[in-house]
Structure formats: structure tokens, C-alpha cells
Amino acid sequence: MNAPGPYGLRAPSLADARTALDNVFGERSEAIWRRVTDRAGGEPTLPAVIAAMREESDPVVGLCAQSLDIRLSTFEYLSAADHTIRSVQ
């Protein structure tokens, strides 16, 4: 699990991506996860998994990808803002 970052948030992880699929697809998530991680390559990163999720034919998998992308982008922007604020204090 990632340590909390700025504002008590933590960056989304591969485990979060897997959990999102599990929560939505139940038993079917295993096959989806396998396809997604195979498409993402050897040691998949979260951005690669998000991109692979977007390529799935099921639009709900794409929505899960969009949600993760929003969380990741938000975390990165808030981390950068926090770093900027702390650097001028």
C-alpha cells in the first residue's frame, strides 16, 4: 500500500485497478485482468494498465480506466502543488 501523500491522499495502484474490476465484474474480472496485464506488458505500470483497460471492448472497463486516470492525475497535480507550496515556505 502506498504511503499517504499530500492532503492524506494516496496514489492509486495496480491493486486499486484490480479491485475496481473485481468490484464491477466479480468472477469475470480474472479473465479481464489477465488480458489487460498481458496487453500492458512485462512488468505493467498503472499508466500502461489504464491504457490497456481503455482498449477493452467492454465500455465499463473503459470507465474504470477513466476513473483510475482521474485519480492518478489528481494525485500527481496535488503532489506537484504541495511540493511547490512547501518549496517557497
N, C-alpha and C. Protein backbone atom coordinates (compact mmCIF):
# COMPACT_ATOMS: atom_id res chain seq x y z
N MET A 1 0.85 -1.19 0.00
CA MET A 1 0.00 0.00 0.00
C MET A 1 0.88 1.24 0.00
N ASN A 2 0.49 2.22 -0.74
CA ASN A 2 1.25 3.47 -0.84
C ASN A 2 1.06 4.30 0.42
N ALA A 3 2.12 5.02 0.81
CA ALA A 3 2.02 5.93 1.94
C ALA A 3 1.16 7.13 1.54
N PRO A 4 0.45 7.69 2.49
CA PRO A 4 -0.36 8.87 2.16
C PRO A 4 0.51 10.00 1.63
N GLY A 5 -0.01 10.70 0.66
CA GLY A 5 0.68 11.83 0.08
C GLY A 5 0.05 13.12 0.57
N PRO A 6 0.08 14.15 -0.26
CA PRO A 6 -0.50 15.42 0.15
C PRO A 6 -1.99 15.29 0.43
N TYR A 7 -2.41 16.01 1.42
CA TYR A 7 -3.82 16.06 1.81
C TYR A 7 -4.36 14.70 2.24
N GLY A 8 -3.46 13.81 2.66
CA GLY A 8 -3.86 12.49 3.13
C GLY A 8 -4.26 11.52 2.02
N LEU A 9 -4.05 11.91 0.77
CA LEU A 9 -4.41 11.04 -0.35
C LEU A 9 -3.25 10.09 -0.65
N ARG A 10 -3.58 8.99 -1.29
CA ARG A 10 -2.52 8.10 -1.76
C ARG A 10 -2.73 7.86 -3.24
N ALA A 11 -1.64 7.64 -3.93
CA ALA A 11 -1.70 7.39 -5.37
C ALA A 11 -2.42 6.08 -5.62
N PRO A 12 -3.25 6.03 -6.66
CA PRO A 12 -3.86 4.75 -7.00
C PRO A 12 -2.77 3.76 -7.42
N SER A 13 -3.05 2.49 -7.26
CA SER A 13 -2.07 1.44 -7.53
C SER A 13 -2.66 0.38 -8.45
N LEU A 14 -1.82 -0.56 -8.84
CA LEU A 14 -2.30 -1.69 -9.62
C LEU A 14 -3.34 -2.47 -8.82
N ALA A 15 -3.15 -2.55 -7.51
CA ALA A 15 -4.14 -3.24 -6.66
C ALA A 15 -5.50 -2.54 -6.74
N ASP A 16 -5.49 -1.21 -6.81
CA ASP A 16 -6.74 -0.47 -6.95
C ASP A 16 -7.41 -0.77 -8.29
N ALA A 17 -6.61 -0.90 -9.34
CA ALA A 17 -7.16 -1.23 -10.65
C ALA A 17 -7.80 -2.61 -10.62
N ARG A 18 -7.12 -3.55 -10.00
CA ARG A 18 -7.66 -4.91 -9.89
C ARG A 18 -8.94 -4.92 -9.05
N THR A 19 -8.93 -4.19 -7.96
CA THR A 19 -10.10 -4.13 -7.09
C THR A 19 -11.29 -3.52 -7.83
N ALA A 20 -11.04 -2.50 -8.62
CA ALA A 20 -12.12 -1.88 -9.39
C ALA A 20 -12.77 -2.91 -10.31
N LEU A 21 -11.96 -3.69 -10.99
CA LEU A 21 -12.51 -4.72 -11.87
C LEU A 21 -13.24 -5.80 -11.07
N ASP A 22 -12.66 -6.21 -9.94
CA ASP A 22 -13.31 -7.22 -9.09
C ASP A 22 -14.67 -6.74 -8.62
N ASN A 23 -14.74 -5.48 -8.20
CA ASN A 23 -15.99 -4.93 -7.68
C ASN A 23 -17.08 -4.87 -8.74
N VAL A 24 -16.69 -4.60 -9.97
CA VAL A 24 -17.67 -4.45 -11.04
C VAL A 24 -18.00 -5.79 -11.70
N PHE A 25 -16.99 -6.61 -11.95
CA PHE A 25 -17.19 -7.81 -12.76
C PHE A 25 -17.19 -9.12 -11.99
N GLY A 26 -16.87 -9.09 -10.71
CA GLY A 26 -16.88 -10.33 -9.93
C GLY A 26 -15.96 -11.38 -10.53
N GLU A 27 -16.49 -12.59 -10.74
CA GLU A 27 -15.68 -13.71 -11.23
C GLU A 27 -15.10 -13.45 -12.61
N ARG A 28 -15.78 -12.66 -13.41
CA ARG A 28 -15.29 -12.35 -14.76
C ARG A 28 -14.04 -11.48 -14.75
N SER A 29 -13.75 -10.87 -13.62
CA SER A 29 -12.62 -9.93 -13.57
C SER A 29 -11.28 -10.61 -13.79
N GLU A 30 -11.15 -11.87 -13.42
CA GLU A 30 -9.87 -12.57 -13.59
C GLU A 30 -9.45 -12.60 -15.06
N ALA A 31 -10.36 -12.95 -15.94
CA ALA A 31 -10.04 -13.01 -17.37
C ALA A 31 -9.74 -11.62 -17.91
N ILE A 32 -10.50 -10.63 -17.47
CA ILE A 32 -10.26 -9.25 -17.91
C ILE A 32 -8.90 -8.78 -17.44
N TRP A 33 -8.59 -9.04 -16.17
CA TRP A 33 -7.30 -8.62 -15.61
C TRP A 33 -6.14 -9.27 -16.37
N ARG A 34 -6.28 -10.54 -16.69
CA ARG A 34 -5.23 -11.24 -17.43
C ARG A 34 -5.01 -10.60 -18.80
N ARG A 35 -6.10 -10.31 -19.51
CA ARG A 35 -5.97 -9.66 -20.83
C ARG A 35 -5.32 -8.29 -20.71
N VAL A 36 -5.77 -7.54 -19.73
CA VAL A 36 -5.27 -6.17 -19.55
C VAL A 36 -3.78 -6.17 -19.20
N THR A 37 -3.39 -7.02 -18.27
CA THR A 37 -1.98 -7.04 -17.87
C THR A 37 -1.10 -7.62 -18.97
N ASP A 38 -1.61 -8.59 -19.73
CA ASP A 38 -0.84 -9.10 -20.88
C ASP A 38 -0.62 -7.99 -21.89
N ARG A 39 -1.66 -7.23 -22.17
CA ARG A 39 -1.56 -6.13 -23.13
C ARG A 39 -0.64 -5.03 -22.61
N ALA A 40 -0.60 -4.84 -21.29
CA ALA A 40 0.21 -3.77 -20.69
C ALA A 40 1.70 -4.11 -20.71
N GLY A 41 2.04 -5.38 -20.87
CA GLY A 41 3.45 -5.75 -20.99
C GLY A 41 4.03 -6.33 -19.72
N GLY A 42 5.29 -6.78 -19.84
CA GLY A 42 6.05 -7.48 -18.81
C GLY A 42 5.76 -7.11 -17.37
N GLU A 43 6.33 -6.03 -16.91
CA GLU A 43 6.08 -5.53 -15.56
C GLU A 43 5.16 -4.32 -15.69
N PRO A 44 3.85 -4.54 -15.71
CA PRO A 44 2.94 -3.45 -16.03
C PRO A 44 2.95 -2.32 -14.99
N THR A 45 2.89 -1.13 -15.49
CA THR A 45 2.75 0.05 -14.64
C THR A 45 1.28 0.46 -14.66
N LEU A 46 0.88 1.28 -13.72
CA LEU A 46 -0.51 1.72 -13.70
C LEU A 46 -0.89 2.45 -14.98
N PRO A 47 -0.09 3.39 -15.49
CA PRO A 47 -0.47 4.04 -16.76
C PRO A 47 -0.63 3.04 -17.91
N ALA A 48 0.23 2.01 -17.96
CA ALA A 48 0.10 1.00 -19.02
C ALA A 48 -1.17 0.18 -18.86
N VAL A 49 -1.52 -0.15 -17.62
CA VAL A 49 -2.76 -0.89 -17.36
C VAL A 49 -3.97 -0.03 -17.71
N ILE A 50 -3.93 1.24 -17.36
CA ILE A 50 -5.04 2.14 -17.70
C ILE A 50 -5.22 2.18 -19.22
N ALA A 51 -4.13 2.31 -19.96
CA ALA A 51 -4.21 2.34 -21.42
C ALA A 51 -4.77 1.03 -21.96
N ALA A 52 -4.33 -0.09 -21.40
CA ALA A 52 -4.83 -1.39 -21.83
C ALA A 52 -6.30 -1.56 -21.50
N MET A 53 -6.73 -1.04 -20.36
CA MET A 53 -8.15 -1.11 -19.99
C MET A 53 -9.01 -0.35 -20.99
N ARG A 54 -8.48 0.76 -21.48
CA ARG A 54 -9.22 1.56 -22.46
C ARG A 54 -9.42 0.81 -23.78
N GLU A 55 -8.55 -0.14 -24.07
CA GLU A 55 -8.64 -0.91 -25.30
C GLU A 55 -9.63 -2.07 -25.24
N GLU A 56 -10.12 -2.37 -24.04
CA GLU A 56 -11.10 -3.46 -23.89
C GLU A 56 -12.39 -3.10 -24.61
N SER A 57 -13.08 -4.12 -25.09
CA SER A 57 -14.32 -3.89 -25.83
C SER A 57 -15.47 -3.49 -24.91
N ASP A 58 -15.41 -3.86 -23.65
CA ASP A 58 -16.48 -3.52 -22.70
C ASP A 58 -16.31 -2.07 -22.25
N PRO A 59 -17.30 -1.21 -22.51
CA PRO A 59 -17.16 0.20 -22.15
C PRO A 59 -17.06 0.43 -20.64
N VAL A 60 -17.54 -0.51 -19.84
CA VAL A 60 -17.45 -0.35 -18.39
C VAL A 60 -16.00 -0.48 -17.94
N VAL A 61 -15.22 -1.32 -18.60
CA VAL A 61 -13.79 -1.40 -18.30
C VAL A 61 -13.14 -0.06 -18.63
N GLY A 62 -13.56 0.55 -19.72
CA GLY A 62 -13.06 1.88 -20.08
C GLY A 62 -13.42 2.93 -19.04
N LEU A 63 -14.59 2.82 -18.47
CA LEU A 63 -14.98 3.76 -17.40
C LEU A 63 -14.12 3.55 -16.15
N CYS A 64 -13.81 2.30 -15.85
CA CYS A 64 -12.90 2.04 -14.72
C CYS A 64 -11.54 2.67 -15.00
N ALA A 65 -11.08 2.57 -16.25
CA ALA A 65 -9.80 3.17 -16.64
C ALA A 65 -9.85 4.68 -16.47
N GLN A 66 -10.95 5.29 -16.90
CA GLN A 66 -11.08 6.75 -16.79
C GLN A 66 -11.06 7.18 -15.32
N SER A 67 -11.75 6.43 -14.48
CA SER A 67 -11.76 6.74 -13.05
C SER A 67 -10.35 6.68 -12.47
N LEU A 68 -9.62 5.63 -12.79
CA LEU A 68 -8.24 5.49 -12.30
C LEU A 68 -7.35 6.61 -12.83
N ASP A 69 -7.55 6.97 -14.09
CA ASP A 69 -6.75 8.04 -14.69
C ASP A 69 -7.02 9.37 -14.00
N ILE A 70 -8.27 9.64 -13.70
CA ILE A 70 -8.62 10.87 -12.98
C ILE A 70 -7.97 10.87 -11.60
N ARG A 71 -8.04 9.75 -10.90
CA ARG A 71 -7.41 9.67 -9.57
C ARG A 71 -5.91 9.88 -9.65
N LEU A 72 -5.27 9.23 -10.64
CA LEU A 72 -3.82 9.36 -10.79
C LEU A 72 -3.42 10.78 -11.14
N SER A 73 -4.11 11.38 -12.09
CA SER A 73 -3.80 12.77 -12.49
C SER A 73 -4.01 13.73 -11.32
N THR A 74 -5.10 13.55 -10.61
CA THR A 74 -5.38 14.42 -9.47
C THR A 74 -4.29 14.30 -8.42
N PHE A 75 -3.88 13.06 -8.13
CA PHE A 75 -2.81 12.86 -7.15
C PHE A 75 -1.52 13.53 -7.61
N GLU A 76 -1.18 13.37 -8.89
CA GLU A 76 0.05 13.96 -9.41
C GLU A 76 0.00 15.49 -9.36
N TYR A 77 -1.13 16.08 -9.74
CA TYR A 77 -1.26 17.54 -9.70
C TYR A 77 -1.20 18.06 -8.27
N LEU A 78 -1.88 17.39 -7.35
CA LEU A 78 -1.85 17.83 -5.96
C LEU A 78 -0.47 17.65 -5.35
N SER A 79 0.23 16.58 -5.73
CA SER A 79 1.60 16.38 -5.25
C SER A 79 2.52 17.49 -5.74
N ALA A 80 2.38 17.86 -7.01
CA ALA A 80 3.21 18.93 -7.57
C ALA A 80 2.89 20.26 -6.90
N ALA A 81 1.61 20.53 -6.66
CA ALA A 81 1.23 21.77 -6.00
C ALA A 81 1.76 21.80 -4.57
N ASP A 82 1.65 20.68 -3.87
CA ASP A 82 2.15 20.59 -2.50
C ASP A 82 3.66 20.82 -2.46
N HIS A 83 4.37 20.23 -3.41
CA HIS A 83 5.82 20.41 -3.48
C HIS A 83 6.16 21.89 -3.72
N THR A 84 5.43 22.54 -4.63
CA THR A 84 5.68 23.95 -4.93
C THR A 84 5.43 24.82 -3.69
N ILE A 85 4.32 24.56 -3.02
CA ILE A 85 3.98 25.34 -1.82
C ILE A 85 5.03 25.15 -0.74
N ARG A 86 5.45 23.91 -0.51
CA ARG A 86 6.45 23.65 0.52
C ARG A 86 7.82 24.24 0.16
N SER A 87 8.12 24.32 -1.11
CA SER A 87 9.43 24.83 -1.51
C SER A 87 9.57 26.33 -1.31
N VAL A 88 8.45 27.04 -1.23
CA VAL A 88 8.53 28.50 -1.03
C VAL A 88 8.28 28.89 0.42
N GLN A 89 8.01 27.95 1.27
CA GLN A 89 7.75 28.27 2.68
C GLN A 89 9.05 28.40 3.44
